[in-house]
Every structure is written in C-alpha cells, then in structure tokens.
Protein backbone atom coordinates (compact mmCIF):
# COMPACT_ATOMS: atom_id res chain seq x y z
CA MET A 1 0.00 0.00 0.00
CA SER A 2 1.32 3.43 -0.89
CA LEU A 3 0.49 6.70 0.81
CA THR A 4 0.15 10.00 -1.01
CA LEU A 5 2.20 12.81 0.47
CA GLN A 6 0.65 15.49 -1.68
CA SER A 7 -0.94 18.26 0.35
CA SER A 8 -4.54 19.17 -0.41
CA SER A 9 -4.16 22.66 1.06
CA SER A 10 -4.58 24.20 -2.36
CA GLN A 11 -7.88 22.53 -3.16
CA SER A 12 -10.77 24.85 -3.83
CA THR A 13 -13.14 25.54 -0.97
CA SER A 14 -15.73 27.29 -3.12
CA LEU A 15 -19.31 26.00 -3.13
CA GLU A 16 -19.78 27.16 -6.71
CA LYS A 17 -21.68 24.43 -8.59
CA LYS A 18 -21.64 22.13 -5.56
CA VAL A 19 -24.87 20.26 -4.87
CA VAL A 20 -26.23 20.13 -1.32
CA LEU A 21 -28.99 17.91 0.05
CA ILE A 22 -30.28 19.30 3.35
CA THR A 23 -32.96 17.67 5.47
CA GLY A 24 -35.42 19.93 7.25
CA GLY A 25 -34.02 22.79 5.25
CA ALA A 26 -37.16 24.90 4.89
CA LYS A 27 -37.52 26.45 8.34
CA ARG A 28 -35.63 27.87 11.29
CA VAL A 29 -31.96 26.86 11.45
CA GLY A 30 -32.35 24.69 8.35
CA ALA A 31 -33.52 27.68 6.32
CA SER A 32 -30.53 29.73 7.53
CA ILE A 33 -28.17 26.94 6.46
CA SER A 34 -29.90 26.78 3.07
CA ARG A 35 -29.54 30.52 2.54
CA GLU A 36 -25.89 30.56 3.64
CA LEU A 37 -24.79 27.73 1.36
CA HIS A 38 -26.82 29.10 -1.53
CA ALA A 39 -25.24 32.54 -1.09
CA HIS A 40 -21.84 30.90 -1.59
CA GLY A 41 -22.82 29.33 -4.88
CA ALA A 42 -24.32 25.95 -3.98
CA ASN A 43 -27.31 24.38 -5.67
CA LEU A 44 -29.76 22.95 -3.16
CA MET A 45 -32.18 20.09 -2.79
CA ILE A 46 -34.23 21.12 0.24
CA HIS A 47 -36.05 18.31 2.02
CA TYR A 48 -39.23 18.87 3.99
CA ASN A 49 -41.84 16.65 5.57
CA SER A 50 -44.92 18.71 6.44
CA SER A 51 -43.59 22.25 5.81
CA LYS A 52 -44.55 22.38 2.15
CA GLN A 53 -45.57 26.04 2.16
CA ALA A 54 -42.31 27.15 3.81
CA ALA A 55 -40.29 24.98 1.44
CA LYS A 56 -41.98 26.44 -1.63
CA ALA A 57 -41.53 29.99 -0.33
CA LEU A 58 -37.80 29.45 0.28
CA GLN A 59 -37.40 27.79 -3.11
CA THR A 60 -39.03 30.80 -4.80
CA GLU A 61 -36.90 33.24 -2.81
CA LEU A 62 -33.61 31.57 -3.68
CA ASN A 63 -34.48 30.83 -7.31
CA GLN A 64 -35.23 34.53 -7.79
CA GLN A 65 -31.62 35.18 -6.76
CA ARG A 66 -30.24 32.44 -8.99
CA PRO A 67 -32.67 30.72 -11.40
CA ASP A 68 -33.06 26.93 -11.28
CA SER A 69 -30.63 26.55 -8.38
CA VAL A 70 -33.03 25.14 -5.78
CA SER A 71 -35.44 22.22 -5.78
CA ILE A 72 -37.52 20.75 -2.98
CA VAL A 73 -38.46 17.19 -2.10
CA GLN A 74 -40.93 15.74 0.40
CA CYS A 75 -40.18 12.68 2.53
CA ASP A 76 -41.18 11.25 5.89
CA LEU A 77 -37.72 10.38 7.23
CA LEU A 78 -39.22 7.90 9.68
CA ASN A 79 -39.99 5.67 6.70
CA VAL A 80 -36.51 4.30 6.04
CA ALA A 81 -37.58 2.65 2.78
CA LEU A 82 -38.22 6.12 1.30
CA VAL A 83 -34.98 7.76 2.45
CA PRO A 84 -32.80 6.68 -0.53
CA ASN A 85 -35.26 8.49 -2.81
CA LEU A 86 -33.82 11.79 -1.56
CA VAL A 87 -30.45 10.92 -3.06
CA THR A 88 -32.07 9.65 -6.26
CA GLU A 89 -34.12 12.82 -6.70
CA THR A 90 -31.07 15.00 -6.03
CA THR A 91 -28.86 13.31 -8.59
CA LYS A 92 -31.71 13.16 -11.10
CA ARG A 93 -32.20 16.92 -10.78
CA PHE A 94 -28.59 18.12 -10.49
CA GLY A 95 -26.49 15.20 -11.74
CA GLN A 96 -24.38 14.88 -8.59
CA LEU A 97 -24.29 15.15 -4.80
CA ASP A 98 -21.43 16.88 -3.00
CA ILE A 99 -22.68 17.70 0.50
CA LEU A 100 -25.25 16.10 2.80
CA ILE A 101 -26.56 18.10 5.76
CA ASN A 102 -28.47 15.97 8.29
CA ASN A 103 -30.38 18.79 9.95
CA ALA A 104 -33.96 17.51 10.40
CA SER A 105 -34.82 16.85 14.04
CA THR A 106 -37.61 16.49 16.56
CA TYR A 107 -37.29 17.75 20.12
CA THR A 108 -39.72 16.72 22.84
CA SER A 109 -39.39 16.03 26.54
CA THR A 110 -39.41 12.43 27.77
CA GLU A 111 -39.39 12.04 31.53
CA VAL A 112 -38.61 8.66 33.03
CA GLY A 113 -41.86 6.94 33.92
CA ASN A 114 -43.70 8.44 30.96
CA ILE A 115 -41.47 7.30 28.09
CA ASN A 116 -43.26 5.17 25.51
CA GLU A 117 -42.33 3.44 22.29
CA ASP A 118 -43.79 6.25 20.18
CA ASN A 119 -41.32 8.68 21.81
CA TRP A 120 -38.47 6.33 20.98
CA HIS A 121 -39.64 5.80 17.39
CA ASP A 122 -39.99 9.54 16.74
CA LEU A 123 -36.88 10.88 18.48
CA ILE A 124 -34.45 8.10 17.62
CA GLY A 125 -35.94 7.91 14.14
CA SER A 126 -35.52 11.57 13.21
CA ASN A 127 -32.30 12.34 15.09
CA LEU A 128 -30.30 9.15 14.56
CA LYS A 129 -31.91 6.48 12.38
CA ALA A 130 -32.67 8.78 9.43
CA PRO A 131 -29.16 10.33 9.35
CA MET A 132 -27.65 6.85 9.45
CA PHE A 133 -29.66 5.48 6.53
CA LEU A 134 -29.50 8.68 4.50
CA SER A 135 -25.72 8.86 4.92
CA GLN A 136 -25.48 5.25 3.80
CA ALA A 137 -27.64 5.95 0.77
CA ALA A 138 -25.59 9.03 -0.12
CA ALA A 139 -22.16 7.44 0.33
CA ILE A 140 -21.71 6.22 -3.26
CA GLU A 141 -22.46 9.65 -4.75
CA LEU A 142 -20.42 11.48 -2.11
CA LYS A 143 -17.46 9.22 -2.80
CA LYS A 144 -17.62 10.15 -6.47
CA SER A 145 -17.45 13.84 -5.62
CA GLN A 146 -15.02 13.51 -2.66
CA GLY A 147 -17.79 15.19 -0.71
CA CYS A 148 -18.76 15.56 2.92
CA ILE A 149 -21.48 15.10 5.52
CA VAL A 150 -22.35 17.59 8.25
CA ASN A 151 -24.65 16.47 11.07
CA ILE A 152 -26.46 18.79 13.48
CA THR A 153 -26.12 17.55 17.05
CA ASP A 154 -26.55 19.37 20.39
CA ILE A 155 -24.28 20.65 23.16
CA HIS A 156 -26.41 18.77 25.69
CA VAL A 157 -24.87 15.52 24.51
CA GLU A 158 -22.07 16.18 27.00
CA ARG A 159 -24.44 17.23 29.80
CA PRO A 160 -27.91 15.80 29.12
CA LYS A 161 -30.83 18.08 29.84
CA LYS A 162 -33.11 16.79 32.58
CA GLY A 163 -36.38 15.43 31.25
CA TYR A 164 -35.09 14.81 27.72
CA VAL A 165 -33.78 11.25 28.01
CA VAL A 166 -34.61 9.89 24.57
CA TYR A 167 -33.61 13.08 22.73
CA SER A 168 -30.26 13.06 24.56
CA VAL A 169 -29.70 9.41 23.68
CA ALA A 170 -30.50 10.13 20.03
CA LYS A 171 -28.16 13.10 19.73
CA GLY A 172 -25.46 11.23 21.63
CA GLY A 173 -25.80 8.47 19.08
CA LEU A 174 -25.51 11.03 16.29
CA VAL A 175 -22.16 12.20 17.68
CA THR A 176 -20.92 8.62 17.70
CA LEU A 177 -22.33 8.11 14.21
CA THR A 178 -20.40 11.18 13.04
CA LYS A 179 -17.11 9.80 14.32
CA SER A 180 -17.83 6.26 13.11
CA LEU A 181 -18.72 7.40 9.61
CA ALA A 182 -15.61 9.59 9.51
CA GLN A 183 -13.62 6.39 9.96
CA GLU A 184 -15.70 4.19 7.71
CA LEU A 185 -15.92 6.63 4.80
CA SER A 186 -12.36 7.97 4.87
CA PRO A 187 -10.39 9.03 2.96
CA ASP A 188 -13.01 9.86 0.33
CA ILE A 189 -15.73 11.51 2.44
CA ARG A 190 -15.30 13.87 5.38
CA VAL A 191 -17.89 13.65 8.18
CA ASN A 192 -18.28 16.33 10.86
CA ALA A 193 -20.96 17.82 13.08
CA VAL A 194 -22.10 21.16 14.47
CA ALA A 195 -23.45 21.22 18.03
CA PRO A 196 -25.68 24.27 18.51
CA GLY A 197 -26.17 25.96 21.85
CA PRO A 198 -28.88 28.55 22.64
CA VAL A 199 -29.96 29.86 19.25
CA LEU A 200 -33.69 29.33 18.78
CA TRP A 201 -36.23 28.09 21.30
CA PRO A 202 -38.47 25.22 20.20
CA GLU A 203 -41.85 26.31 18.90
CA ASP A 204 -44.90 25.95 21.18
CA ASN A 205 -42.90 24.89 24.23
CA LYS A 206 -44.04 26.63 27.42
CA GLU A 207 -40.92 25.53 29.29
CA PHE A 208 -38.85 28.16 27.50
CA ASP A 209 -40.21 31.27 29.23
CA GLU A 210 -38.50 34.54 30.09
CA ASP A 211 -36.97 33.17 33.30
CA TYR A 212 -35.49 30.21 31.43
CA LEU A 213 -34.07 32.55 28.79
CA LYS A 214 -32.39 34.71 31.43
CA ARG A 215 -30.90 31.65 33.14
CA VAL A 216 -29.49 30.31 29.87
CA ILE A 217 -27.94 33.68 28.98
CA SER A 218 -26.34 33.87 32.43
CA GLN A 219 -24.70 30.48 31.80
CA THR A 220 -23.34 31.54 28.42
CA LEU A 221 -19.88 33.08 28.45
CA LEU A 222 -20.78 35.66 25.79
CA LYS A 223 -23.92 36.62 27.77
CA ARG A 224 -26.29 36.42 24.83
CA ILE A 225 -28.04 33.88 22.69
CA GLY A 226 -26.82 33.10 19.23
CA ASP A 227 -28.46 33.45 15.85
CA PRO A 228 -29.33 30.77 13.28
CA THR A 229 -26.75 32.35 11.00
CA ASP A 230 -24.05 31.37 13.52
CA ILE A 231 -24.93 27.72 12.94
CA ALA A 232 -25.15 28.26 9.19
CA LYS A 233 -21.68 29.79 9.05
CA ALA A 234 -20.24 26.88 11.02
CA VAL A 235 -21.83 24.41 8.61
CA LYS A 236 -20.42 26.34 5.66
CA PHE A 237 -16.97 26.29 7.27
CA LEU A 238 -17.00 22.51 7.75
CA ALA A 239 -18.44 21.92 4.29
CA ALA A 240 -16.28 24.28 2.28
CA ASP A 241 -13.33 25.65 4.25
CA ALA A 242 -12.04 22.71 6.28
CA PRO A 243 -10.56 20.11 3.90
CA PHE A 244 -8.34 18.63 6.63
CA ILE A 245 -11.04 18.28 9.32
CA THR A 246 -13.06 15.10 9.78
CA GLY A 247 -14.62 13.32 12.74
CA HIS A 248 -14.98 16.63 14.60
CA VAL A 249 -17.91 18.10 16.54
CA LEU A 250 -17.87 21.91 16.55
CA ALA A 251 -19.75 23.53 19.43
CA VAL A 252 -21.41 26.81 18.47
CA ASP A 253 -22.81 27.91 21.80
CA GLY A 254 -21.20 31.11 23.04
CA GLY A 255 -19.13 29.07 25.48
CA ARG A 256 -22.13 27.67 27.35
CA SER A 257 -21.02 24.04 27.17
CA ILE A 258 -17.90 24.75 29.26
CA ASN A 259 -19.78 26.86 31.79
CA LEU A 260 -22.71 24.63 32.77
C-alpha cells in the first residue's frame, strides 16, 4: 500500500456548482443553512416533511436570486424505505451530490416513567436512524465527488438536559455516528458535526419562558443567545473551508457548554 504525500491545502473551498442535500431545510436553522450555502454558490435540494408552504416559499426566494438553483423534495424520514429516494431525486435533478446536511430533528421532553415506544420511534428515528440510513444511501455519490457530511447535534450531549432522556440518547448516538462514519468513509468523504447551543427556542414549548431565557444567557460566556446564521456559518466552514477536518464536533454555543 502506498500513501500520497501530496498536500490538499490548495484545493478549492468554493461552493460554486456544488450540490447540497439538506434535510429539514425549509424552516428555522435549516432555512438559515440553506440561505448561507446558496449565497456561496451551492445548488440545493431542500427536504421537507410537512412544511410544504415554507419549502416552496424558500425555493421561490432563492431561485429569484439564482434561477433553477433550488429544488424541494418531500419525505417522511421515519420511513426508512423512502430515504434513498432523496439521493435519487437530487442526482436526477442536479447530476451529482457533494454535501449532505443531516439537519432535520424532533425535540420533545421524555421524563422517566412516561417514556413510551412512540417517543423512541420519533426521536431516535428523526435524530439518529434517518441520518444513518440517509448517509449510507448518499455514500456512493459522495465518494464520487469527494464530498462531505455535516450532522447537526446538540451541546447537551455532554451534559444531558433533565427530562429529555430519549432526545439526549439520540443526539449522543448522532455524535458517535459522526465519528464512526468519519472512519468508515475515509479518505473519500469527510464527516463532521455542528453542536448548537442557545440559538432558537423550540416552537410551542411553554418551558422556554422569560426566566429560562435569562438563566441560559447567564450560563453563556458571551452573555447572549446566538443566531441561526451562527450555525449556518459553522456548517459552511465545515463543508467548504475545512478540507483537513473530519470526525470533529464543533460547538457553536457562546461558550455555554464549558460553563454549565
């Protein structure tokens, strides 16, 4: 076996003409990631499940900036048999796949004593099972393009949040999946993750009131919450500007994870 000693430091980090498949890319942090990568030249296949209106609106917005650069695709990620269709539809539309962003997630509390199999199916399915099977389905195309995968995890993997057992298990598994896939898919495909801190509160969750917000800010070294664009920029960095980084989890949390 021979090893190449040629440095790849000169390889292009531009997203121009790169094709990105992003799950849950129509709303919230996913929409910010979509806009950021698109602004740097990428063509997008934006996945959605039930957010059809938001997906269409974002598609229209971005295609007005650059015609025919964005398509959308619907899929229930809990149905593993349908997941490979996302890769098929992407390559059918754009001819290639360069970057996979496993962003789609569900976030609900699961207190011990009240956990049921539906909780497990939903939280493990969206946060761990779907990224696993979608990454597997995308691997052949990503190998062709020497592409990459970026997963969205959570800073609470290190210090699980009370009352969120199954979610914490799922995101912990996603961190391990990130590192395992970095090994399994090397040297052709890089695999990294971004672990967001306080950026957006979950929708329709009464737990996240003003007192909770103040407590979180007090625990954050920068004494403020972040913005979805902070996550988007980190994803862009790992996807386009970090050719010698793989198997890494990048915390984007204002320093909260070291101050809890």
